[in-house]
């Protein structure tokens, strides 16, 4: 992923279009003033939902017993 940079003057002239571009690409943008980096514009990344992360696995897991039943080791008295 290459780093995007733009001068303050160019950003000012095309602010809305550039902000849309950053939002769509997900890439951060470095704003420069006289060639020196002064600002970083970073899009906010939305967290993925459970369905987005695990959706393709729904209905594919096989349980051979109740997964909420404690194991024998959890109930043994350590004394």
C-alpha atoms as a PDB file:
ATOM      1  CA  UNK A   1       0.000   0.000   0.000  1.00  0.00           C
ATOM      2  CA  UNK A   2       1.567   3.288  -1.058  1.00  0.00           C
ATOM      3  CA  UNK A   3       1.324   6.358   1.129  1.00  0.00           C
ATOM      4  CA  UNK A   4      -0.813   9.148  -0.324  1.00  0.00           C
ATOM      5  CA  UNK A   5       0.407  12.714   0.130  1.00  0.00           C
ATOM      6  CA  UNK A   6      -1.005  16.084  -0.876  1.00  0.00           C
ATOM      7  CA  UNK A   7      -0.098  19.692  -0.243  1.00  0.00           C
ATOM      8  CA  UNK A   8      -2.374  21.943   1.806  1.00  0.00           C
ATOM      9  CA  UNK A   9      -3.131  24.109  -1.214  1.00  0.00           C
ATOM     10  CA  UNK A  10      -4.198  21.145  -3.382  1.00  0.00           C
ATOM     11  CA  UNK A  11      -6.247  19.713  -0.516  1.00  0.00           C
ATOM     12  CA  UNK A  12      -8.049  23.022  -0.056  1.00  0.00           C
ATOM     13  CA  UNK A  13      -9.001  23.182  -3.736  1.00  0.00           C
ATOM     14  CA  UNK A  14     -10.417  19.625  -3.872  1.00  0.00           C
ATOM     15  CA  UNK A  15     -11.284  18.814  -0.241  1.00  0.00           C
ATOM     16  CA  UNK A  16     -14.623  17.011  -0.694  1.00  0.00           C
ATOM     17  CA  UNK A  17     -13.451  14.879  -3.609  1.00  0.00           C
ATOM     18  CA  UNK A  18     -10.251  13.928  -1.803  1.00  0.00           C
ATOM     19  CA  UNK A  19     -12.082  13.065   1.424  1.00  0.00           C
ATOM     20  CA  UNK A  20     -14.451  10.815  -0.536  1.00  0.00           C
ATOM     21  CA  UNK A  21     -11.457   9.149  -2.180  1.00  0.00           C
ATOM     22  CA  UNK A  22      -9.794   8.490   1.202  1.00  0.00           C
ATOM     23  CA  UNK A  23     -13.058   7.131   2.605  1.00  0.00           C
ATOM     24  CA  UNK A  24     -13.561   4.747  -0.333  1.00  0.00           C
ATOM     25  CA  UNK A  25      -9.950   3.554  -0.575  1.00  0.00           C
ATOM     26  CA  UNK A  26      -9.404   3.171   3.165  1.00  0.00           C
ATOM     27  CA  UNK A  27      -5.924   4.623   2.722  1.00  0.00           C
ATOM     28  CA  UNK A  28      -4.523   7.319   4.967  1.00  0.00           C
ATOM     29  CA  UNK A  29      -3.529  10.680   3.520  1.00  0.00           C
ATOM     30  CA  UNK A  30      -0.560  12.810   4.610  1.00  0.00           C
ATOM     31  CA  UNK A  31      -0.981  16.563   4.161  1.00  0.00           C
ATOM     32  CA  UNK A  32       2.187  18.568   3.606  1.00  0.00           C
ATOM     33  CA  UNK A  33       3.081  22.220   4.087  1.00  0.00           C
ATOM     34  CA  UNK A  34       6.142  23.318   2.082  1.00  0.00           C
ATOM     35  CA  UNK A  35       7.083  19.658   1.617  1.00  0.00           C
ATOM     36  CA  UNK A  36       6.911  18.883   5.367  1.00  0.00           C
ATOM     37  CA  UNK A  37       4.232  16.451   6.667  1.00  0.00           C
ATOM     38  CA  UNK A  38       1.851  18.272   9.029  1.00  0.00           C
ATOM     39  CA  UNK A  39      -1.410  16.284   9.087  1.00  0.00           C
ATOM     40  CA  UNK A  40      -2.580  12.712   8.719  1.00  0.00           C
ATOM     41  CA  UNK A  41      -6.137  11.998   7.578  1.00  0.00           C
ATOM     42  CA  UNK A  42      -7.154   8.462   8.460  1.00  0.00           C
ATOM     43  CA  UNK A  43     -10.523   6.874   7.648  1.00  0.00           C
ATOM     44  CA  UNK A  44     -12.366   5.251  10.549  1.00  0.00           C
ATOM     45  CA  UNK A  45     -12.608   1.523  10.007  1.00  0.00           C
ATOM     46  CA  UNK A  46     -15.886  -0.055  11.003  1.00  0.00           C
ATOM     47  CA  UNK A  47     -15.712  -3.223  13.052  1.00  0.00           C
ATOM     48  CA  UNK A  48     -16.897  -6.326  11.260  1.00  0.00           C
ATOM     49  CA  UNK A  49     -20.079  -7.972  12.529  1.00  0.00           C
ATOM     50  CA  UNK A  50     -20.152 -11.560  13.788  1.00  0.00           C
ATOM     51  CA  UNK A  51     -22.000 -12.521  10.609  1.00  0.00           C
ATOM     52  CA  UNK A  52     -19.304 -10.974   8.421  1.00  0.00           C
ATOM     53  CA  UNK A  53     -16.516 -12.779  10.266  1.00  0.00           C
ATOM     54  CA  UNK A  54     -18.116 -16.187  10.878  1.00  0.00           C
ATOM     55  CA  UNK A  55     -21.113 -16.216   8.517  1.00  0.00           C
ATOM     56  CA  UNK A  56     -19.680 -18.770   6.109  1.00  0.00           C
ATOM     57  CA  UNK A  57     -19.238 -21.239   8.986  1.00  0.00           C
ATOM     58  CA  UNK A  58     -22.831 -21.097  10.304  1.00  0.00           C
ATOM     59  CA  UNK A  59     -24.422 -24.534  10.050  1.00  0.00           C
ATOM     60  CA  UNK A  60     -21.109 -26.264   9.361  1.00  0.00           C
ATOM     61  CA  UNK A  61     -19.944 -26.985  12.928  1.00  0.00           C
ATOM     62  CA  UNK A  62     -20.901 -30.364  14.417  1.00  0.00           C
ATOM     63  CA  UNK A  63     -21.288 -30.670  18.197  1.00  0.00           C
ATOM     64  CA  UNK A  64     -21.055 -34.168  19.645  1.00  0.00           C
ATOM     65  CA  UNK A  65     -22.219 -33.047  23.089  1.00  0.00           C
ATOM     66  CA  UNK A  66     -23.530 -29.925  24.833  1.00  0.00           C
ATOM     67  CA  UNK A  67     -20.711 -27.377  24.599  1.00  0.00           C
ATOM     68  CA  UNK A  68     -21.902 -25.658  27.798  1.00  0.00           C
ATOM     69  CA  UNK A  69     -21.452 -28.778  29.944  1.00  0.00           C
ATOM     70  CA  UNK A  70     -18.382 -28.358  32.158  1.00  0.00           C
ATOM     71  CA  UNK A  71     -15.638 -30.897  31.878  1.00  0.00           C
ATOM     72  CA  UNK A  72     -14.799 -33.217  34.752  1.00  0.00           C
ATOM     73  CA  UNK A  73     -11.533 -31.342  35.323  1.00  0.00           C
ATOM     74  CA  UNK A  74     -13.393 -28.104  36.078  1.00  0.00           C
ATOM     75  CA  UNK A  75     -15.313 -29.768  38.926  1.00  0.00           C
ATOM     76  CA  UNK A  76     -12.530 -31.753  40.571  1.00  0.00           C
ATOM     77  CA  UNK A  77     -11.690 -30.618  44.108  1.00  0.00           C
ATOM     78  CA  UNK A  78      -8.018 -29.513  44.141  1.00  0.00           C
ATOM     79  CA  UNK A  79      -7.691 -30.300  47.886  1.00  0.00           C
END
